[in-house]
Structures are given as structure tokens and as C-alpha cells.
PDB file of N, CA and C in Angstrom:
ATOM      1  N   MET A   1     -48.040 -24.206 -14.358  1.00  0.00           N
ATOM      2  CA  MET A   1     -46.637 -24.412 -14.109  1.00  0.00           C
ATOM      3  C   MET A   1     -45.995 -23.107 -13.649  1.00  0.00           C
ATOM      4  N   HIS A   2     -45.127 -23.187 -12.676  1.00  0.00           N
ATOM      5  CA  HIS A   2     -44.465 -22.000 -12.146  1.00  0.00           C
ATOM      6  C   HIS A   2     -43.286 -21.613 -13.036  1.00  0.00           C
ATOM      7  N   ASP A   3     -43.139 -20.333 -13.217  1.00  0.00           N
ATOM      8  CA  ASP A   3     -42.051 -19.814 -14.038  1.00  0.00           C
ATOM      9  C   ASP A   3     -40.881 -19.458 -13.124  1.00  0.00           C
ATOM     10  N   LEU A   4     -39.684 -19.806 -13.532  1.00  0.00           N
ATOM     11  CA  LEU A   4     -38.493 -19.502 -12.744  1.00  0.00           C
ATOM     12  C   LEU A   4     -38.209 -18.007 -12.758  1.00  0.00           C
ATOM     13  N   LEU A   5     -37.877 -17.461 -11.593  1.00  0.00           N
ATOM     14  CA  LEU A   5     -37.417 -16.085 -11.502  1.00  0.00           C
ATOM     15  C   LEU A   5     -35.907 -16.110 -11.372  1.00  0.00           C
ATOM     16  N   LEU A   6     -35.250 -15.403 -12.276  1.00  0.00           N
ATOM     17  CA  LEU A   6     -33.797 -15.424 -12.349  1.00  0.00           C
ATOM     18  C   LEU A   6     -33.225 -14.069 -11.955  1.00  0.00           C
ATOM     19  N   THR A   7     -32.031 -14.092 -11.401  1.00  0.00           N
ATOM     20  CA  THR A   7     -31.332 -12.845 -11.083  1.00  0.00           C
ATOM     21  C   THR A   7     -30.826 -12.201 -12.372  1.00  0.00           C
ATOM     22  N   THR A   8     -30.362 -10.977 -12.257  1.00  0.00           N
ATOM     23  CA  THR A   8     -29.793 -10.286 -13.414  1.00  0.00           C
ATOM     24  C   THR A   8     -28.596 -11.060 -13.955  1.00  0.00           C
ATOM     25  N   LYS A   9     -27.767 -11.578 -13.072  1.00  0.00           N
ATOM     26  CA  LYS A   9     -26.592 -12.329 -13.506  1.00  0.00           C
ATOM     27  C   LYS A   9     -26.996 -13.596 -14.260  1.00  0.00           C
ATOM     28  N   GLN A  10     -27.986 -14.317 -13.757  1.00  0.00           N
ATOM     29  CA  GLN A  10     -28.453 -15.532 -14.429  1.00  0.00           C
ATOM     30  C   GLN A  10     -29.071 -15.204 -15.782  1.00  0.00           C
ATOM     31  N   ALA A  11     -29.872 -14.141 -15.826  1.00  0.00           N
ATOM     32  CA  ALA A  11     -30.501 -13.728 -17.086  1.00  0.00           C
ATOM     33  C   ALA A  11     -29.444 -13.329 -18.110  1.00  0.00           C
ATOM     34  N   ALA A  12     -28.425 -12.618 -17.661  1.00  0.00           N
ATOM     35  CA  ALA A  12     -27.355 -12.193 -18.568  1.00  0.00           C
ATOM     36  C   ALA A  12     -26.638 -13.404 -19.152  1.00  0.00           C
ATOM     37  N   GLN A  13     -26.428 -14.425 -18.349  1.00  0.00           N
ATOM     38  CA  GLN A  13     -25.776 -15.638 -18.841  1.00  0.00           C
ATOM     39  C   GLN A  13     -26.628 -16.323 -19.904  1.00  0.00           C
ATOM     40  N   ILE A  14     -27.924 -16.380 -19.690  1.00  0.00           N
ATOM     41  CA  ILE A  14     -28.820 -17.013 -20.667  1.00  0.00           C
ATOM     42  C   ILE A  14     -28.814 -16.242 -21.980  1.00  0.00           C
ATOM     43  N   LEU A  15     -28.838 -14.917 -21.892  1.00  0.00           N
ATOM     44  CA  LEU A  15     -28.880 -14.084 -23.096  1.00  0.00           C
ATOM     45  C   LEU A  15     -27.516 -13.893 -23.733  1.00  0.00           C
ATOM     46  N   GLY A  16     -26.465 -14.191 -23.003  1.00  0.00           N
ATOM     47  CA  GLY A  16     -25.120 -13.989 -23.535  1.00  0.00           C
ATOM     48  C   GLY A  16     -24.710 -12.531 -23.572  1.00  0.00           C
ATOM     49  N   VAL A  17     -25.194 -11.765 -22.603  1.00  0.00           N
ATOM     50  CA  VAL A  17     -24.859 -10.347 -22.506  1.00  0.00           C
ATOM     51  C   VAL A  17     -24.298 -10.066 -21.114  1.00  0.00           C
ATOM     52  N   SER A  18     -23.831  -8.864 -20.891  1.00  0.00           N
ATOM     53  CA  SER A  18     -23.322  -8.492 -19.575  1.00  0.00           C
ATOM     54  C   SER A  18     -24.470  -8.048 -18.668  1.00  0.00           C
ATOM     55  N   THR A  19     -24.207  -8.075 -17.380  1.00  0.00           N
ATOM     56  CA  THR A  19     -25.212  -7.564 -16.441  1.00  0.00           C
ATOM     57  C   THR A  19     -25.423  -6.060 -16.670  1.00  0.00           C
ATOM     58  N   ALA A  20     -24.358  -5.373 -17.079  1.00  0.00           N
ATOM     59  CA  ALA A  20     -24.471  -3.937 -17.361  1.00  0.00           C
ATOM     60  C   ALA A  20     -25.444  -3.680 -18.514  1.00  0.00           C
ATOM     61  N   PHE A  21     -25.454  -4.576 -19.503  1.00  0.00           N
ATOM     62  CA  PHE A  21     -26.404  -4.436 -20.619  1.00  0.00           C
ATOM     63  C   PHE A  21     -27.838  -4.447 -20.091  1.00  0.00           C
ATOM     64  N   LEU A  22     -28.149  -5.403 -19.214  1.00  0.00           N
ATOM     65  CA  LEU A  22     -29.504  -5.500 -18.673  1.00  0.00           C
ATOM     66  C   LEU A  22     -29.830  -4.318 -17.771  1.00  0.00           C
ATOM     67  N   GLU A  23     -28.863  -3.838 -17.013  1.00  0.00           N
ATOM     68  CA  GLU A  23     -29.087  -2.658 -16.172  1.00  0.00           C
ATOM     69  C   GLU A  23     -29.374  -1.430 -17.032  1.00  0.00           C
ATOM     70  N   ARG A  24     -28.602  -1.240 -18.106  1.00  0.00           N
ATOM     71  CA  ARG A  24     -28.854  -0.114 -19.026  1.00  0.00           C
ATOM     72  C   ARG A  24     -30.207  -0.275 -19.707  1.00  0.00           C
ATOM     73  N   ASP A  25     -30.553  -1.506 -20.071  1.00  0.00           N
ATOM     74  CA  ASP A  25     -31.826  -1.759 -20.733  1.00  0.00           C
ATOM     75  C   ASP A  25     -32.997  -1.357 -19.834  1.00  0.00           C
ATOM     76  N   ARG A  26     -32.919  -1.698 -18.564  1.00  0.00           N
ATOM     77  CA  ARG A  26     -33.989  -1.314 -17.628  1.00  0.00           C
ATOM     78  C   ARG A  26     -34.069   0.197 -17.522  1.00  0.00           C
ATOM     79  N   TRP A  27     -32.930   0.861 -17.453  1.00  0.00           N
ATOM     80  CA  TRP A  27     -32.896   2.315 -17.330  1.00  0.00           C
ATOM     81  C   TRP A  27     -33.453   2.995 -18.583  1.00  0.00           C
ATOM     82  N   ALA A  28     -33.179   2.405 -19.746  1.00  0.00           N
ATOM     83  CA  ALA A  28     -33.543   3.041 -21.012  1.00  0.00           C
ATOM     84  C   ALA A  28     -34.937   2.682 -21.517  1.00  0.00           C
ATOM     85  N   GLY A  29     -35.630   1.793 -20.861  1.00  0.00           N
ATOM     86  CA  GLY A  29     -36.987   1.508 -21.300  1.00  0.00           C
ATOM     87  C   GLY A  29     -37.331   0.044 -21.419  1.00  0.00           C
ATOM     88  N   ALA A  30     -36.449  -0.830 -21.050  1.00  0.00           N
ATOM     89  CA  ALA A  30     -36.708  -2.258 -20.895  1.00  0.00           C
ATOM     90  C   ALA A  30     -37.275  -2.953 -22.128  1.00  0.00           C
ATOM     91  N   ARG A  31     -36.391  -3.300 -23.036  1.00  0.00           N
ATOM     92  CA  ARG A  31     -36.788  -4.191 -24.133  1.00  0.00           C
ATOM     93  C   ARG A  31     -36.928  -5.605 -23.598  1.00  0.00           C
ATOM     94  N   VAL A  32     -36.124  -5.936 -22.588  1.00  0.00           N
ATOM     95  CA  VAL A  32     -36.195  -7.248 -21.948  1.00  0.00           C
ATOM     96  C   VAL A  32     -37.089  -7.093 -20.719  1.00  0.00           C
ATOM     97  N   PRO A  33     -38.261  -7.750 -20.700  1.00  0.00           N
ATOM     98  CA  PRO A  33     -39.178  -7.607 -19.562  1.00  0.00           C
ATOM     99  C   PRO A  33     -38.546  -8.091 -18.254  1.00  0.00           C
ATOM    100  N   PHE A  34     -38.871  -7.393 -17.173  1.00  0.00           N
ATOM    101  CA  PHE A  34     -38.367  -7.784 -15.860  1.00  0.00           C
ATOM    102  C   PHE A  34     -39.467  -7.637 -14.822  1.00  0.00           C
ATOM    103  N   VAL A  35     -39.222  -8.198 -13.644  1.00  0.00           N
ATOM    104  CA  VAL A  35     -40.178  -8.177 -12.544  1.00  0.00           C
ATOM    105  C   VAL A  35     -39.505  -7.507 -11.356  1.00  0.00           C
ATOM    106  N   LYS A  36     -40.201  -6.560 -10.728  1.00  0.00           N
ATOM    107  CA  LYS A  36     -39.712  -5.967  -9.489  1.00  0.00           C
ATOM    108  C   LYS A  36     -40.327  -6.753  -8.336  1.00  0.00           C
ATOM    109  N   VAL A  37     -39.472  -7.302  -7.490  1.00  0.00           N
ATOM    110  CA  VAL A  37     -39.924  -8.036  -6.315  1.00  0.00           C
ATOM    111  C   VAL A  37     -39.582  -7.164  -5.111  1.00  0.00           C
ATOM    112  N   GLY A  38     -40.596  -6.670  -4.450  1.00  0.00           N
ATOM    113  CA  GLY A  38     -40.347  -5.723  -3.370  1.00  0.00           C
ATOM    114  C   GLY A  38     -39.948  -4.387  -3.944  1.00  0.00           C
ATOM    115  N   SER A  39     -39.185  -3.637  -3.180  1.00  0.00           N
ATOM    116  CA  SER A  39     -38.818  -2.293  -3.632  1.00  0.00           C
ATOM    117  C   SER A  39     -37.498  -2.258  -4.398  1.00  0.00           C
ATOM    118  N   ARG A  40     -36.668  -3.316  -4.275  1.00  0.00           N
ATOM    119  CA  ARG A  40     -35.353  -3.252  -4.898  1.00  0.00           C
ATOM    120  C   ARG A  40     -34.998  -4.424  -5.788  1.00  0.00           C
ATOM    121  N   ALA A  41     -35.474  -5.597  -5.464  1.00  0.00           N
ATOM    122  CA  ALA A  41     -35.044  -6.799  -6.182  1.00  0.00           C
ATOM    123  C   ALA A  41     -35.621  -6.830  -7.593  1.00  0.00           C
ATOM    124  N   VAL A  42     -34.754  -7.091  -8.559  1.00  0.00           N
ATOM    125  CA  VAL A  42     -35.149  -7.226  -9.957  1.00  0.00           C
ATOM    126  C   VAL A  42     -34.932  -8.679 -10.355  1.00  0.00           C
ATOM    127  N   ARG A  43     -35.932  -9.257 -10.991  1.00  0.00           N
ATOM    128  CA  ARG A  43     -35.847 -10.642 -11.449  1.00  0.00           C
ATOM    129  C   ARG A  43     -36.384 -10.712 -12.875  1.00  0.00           C
ATOM    130  N   TYR A  44     -35.978 -11.763 -13.561  1.00  0.00           N
ATOM    131  CA  TYR A  44     -36.411 -12.008 -14.939  1.00  0.00           C
ATOM    132  C   TYR A  44     -37.083 -13.370 -14.996  1.00  0.00           C
ATOM    133  N   ARG A  45     -38.248 -13.431 -15.633  1.00  0.00           N
ATOM    134  CA  ARG A  45     -38.913 -14.725 -15.826  1.00  0.00           C
ATOM    135  C   ARG A  45     -38.252 -15.450 -16.989  1.00  0.00           C
ATOM    136  N   HIS A  46     -38.001 -16.707 -16.807  1.00  0.00           N
ATOM    137  CA  HIS A  46     -37.346 -17.516 -17.841  1.00  0.00           C
ATOM    138  C   HIS A  46     -38.146 -17.461 -19.139  1.00  0.00           C
ATOM    139  N   SER A  47     -39.459 -17.548 -19.046  1.00  0.00           N
ATOM    140  CA  SER A  47     -40.296 -17.524 -20.248  1.00  0.00           C
ATOM    141  C   SER A  47     -40.195 -16.187 -20.983  1.00  0.00           C
ATOM    142  N   ASP A  48     -40.034 -15.085 -20.251  1.00  0.00           N
ATOM    143  CA  ASP A  48     -39.865 -13.776 -20.894  1.00  0.00           C
ATOM    144  C   ASP A  48     -38.547 -13.700 -21.642  1.00  0.00           C
ATOM    145  N   LEU A  49     -37.507 -14.309 -21.083  1.00  0.00           N
ATOM    146  CA  LEU A  49     -36.213 -14.318 -21.762  1.00  0.00           C
ATOM    147  C   LEU A  49     -36.298 -15.105 -23.062  1.00  0.00           C
ATOM    148  N   LEU A  50     -36.968 -16.245 -23.028  1.00  0.00           N
ATOM    149  CA  LEU A  50     -37.125 -17.051 -24.242  1.00  0.00           C
ATOM    150  C   LEU A  50     -37.936 -16.295 -25.289  1.00  0.00           C
ATOM    151  N   ALA A  51     -38.989 -15.610 -24.854  1.00  0.00           N
ATOM    152  CA  ALA A  51     -39.804 -14.820 -25.785  1.00  0.00           C
ATOM    153  C   ALA A  51     -38.991 -13.669 -26.375  1.00  0.00           C
ATOM    154  N   TYR A  52     -38.150 -13.039 -25.567  1.00  0.00           N
ATOM    155  CA  TYR A  52     -37.295 -11.958 -26.059  1.00  0.00           C
ATOM    156  C   TYR A  52     -36.331 -12.485 -27.117  1.00  0.00           C
ATOM    157  N   ILE A  53     -35.726 -13.633 -26.846  1.00  0.00           N
ATOM    158  CA  ILE A  53     -34.811 -14.235 -27.820  1.00  0.00           C
ATOM    159  C   ILE A  53     -35.545 -14.491 -29.131  1.00  0.00           C
ATOM    160  N   GLU A  54     -36.743 -15.044 -29.058  1.00  0.00           N
ATOM    161  CA  GLU A  54     -37.531 -15.311 -30.267  1.00  0.00           C
ATOM    162  C   GLU A  54     -37.839 -14.025 -31.033  1.00  0.00           C
ATOM    163  N   SER A  55     -38.086 -12.940 -30.306  1.00  0.00           N
ATOM    164  CA  SER A  55     -38.420 -11.672 -30.969  1.00  0.00           C
ATOM    165  C   SER A  55     -37.211 -11.050 -31.667  1.00  0.00           C
ATOM    166  N   CYS A  56     -36.022 -11.506 -31.325  1.00  0.00           N
ATOM    167  CA  CYS A  56     -34.794 -10.948 -31.911  1.00  0.00           C
ATOM    168  C   CYS A  56     -34.301 -11.730 -33.120  1.00  0.00           C
ATOM    169  N   ILE A  57     -35.004 -12.778 -33.502  1.00  0.00           N
ATOM    170  CA  ILE A  57     -34.555 -13.594 -34.625  1.00  0.00           C
ATOM    171  C   ILE A  57     -34.779 -12.842 -35.935  1.00  0.00           C
ATOM    172  N   HIS A  58     -33.744 -12.777 -36.733  1.00  0.00           N
ATOM    173  CA  HIS A  58     -33.785 -12.161 -38.065  1.00  0.00           C
ATOM    174  C   HIS A  58     -33.172 -13.137 -39.049  1.00  0.00           C
ATOM    175  N   TYR A  59     -33.627 -13.061 -40.264  1.00  0.00           N
ATOM    176  CA  TYR A  59     -33.133 -13.962 -41.285  1.00  0.00           C
ATOM    177  C   TYR A  59     -32.304 -13.249 -42.356  1.00  0.00           C
ATOM    178  N   SER A  60     -32.247 -11.932 -42.244  1.00  0.00           N
ATOM    179  CA  SER A  60     -31.463 -11.157 -43.191  1.00  0.00           C
ATOM    180  C   SER A  60     -31.111  -9.818 -42.547  1.00  0.00           C
ATOM    181  N   THR A  61     -29.944  -9.306 -42.873  1.00  0.00           N
ATOM    182  CA  THR A  61     -29.572  -7.994 -42.326  1.00  0.00           C
ATOM    183  C   THR A  61     -30.423  -6.874 -42.925  1.00  0.00           C
ATOM    184  N   SER A  62     -31.090  -7.128 -44.026  1.00  0.00           N
ATOM    185  CA  SER A  62     -31.940  -6.096 -44.630  1.00  0.00           C
ATOM    186  C   SER A  62     -33.279  -5.963 -43.906  1.00  0.00           C
ATOM    187  N   GLN A  63     -33.565  -6.833 -42.950  1.00  0.00           N
ATOM    188  CA  GLN A  63     -34.804  -6.725 -42.186  1.00  0.00           C
ATOM    189  C   GLN A  63     -34.803  -5.517 -41.269  1.00  0.00           C
ATOM    190  N   TYR A  64     -33.663  -4.954 -40.987  1.00  0.00           N
ATOM    191  CA  TYR A  64     -33.592  -3.802 -40.094  1.00  0.00           C
ATOM    192  C   TYR A  64     -34.121  -2.618 -40.832  1.00  0.00           C
TER     193      TYR A  64
END
């Protein structure tokens, strides 16, 4: 099955964050995986976004 490639704006909407958050994340070391298409285009795989969301689930504030 083919995975959807989403723009930064689409990915930000799914995650509920700003596009600036994702831009800073890429600059700072990319906790959210992304794909470089060509020399400039940045895309996010839908499955990577879902996996990132799952990795952020916590059940208590003491887990930090």
C-alpha cells in the first residue's frame, strides 16, 4: 500500500501544531520524521505522523 506524502501545512494540521513548529523541529534534529523530495521539497509520510503521535502518548505527568 502506498503511503500518503503530506506537505508541512497538512502535517501540522494533523498534529495540531503550527508549521513553524515543524520547521523548527527539522532544524533542531527532527523528532518528527520527514522526507526530502528533490533538493527543497519536504514531505511527511502519514504513517510516520501516526507513529509519532503514538510515541507521544503518556499516562501520567510523572513519566517525564
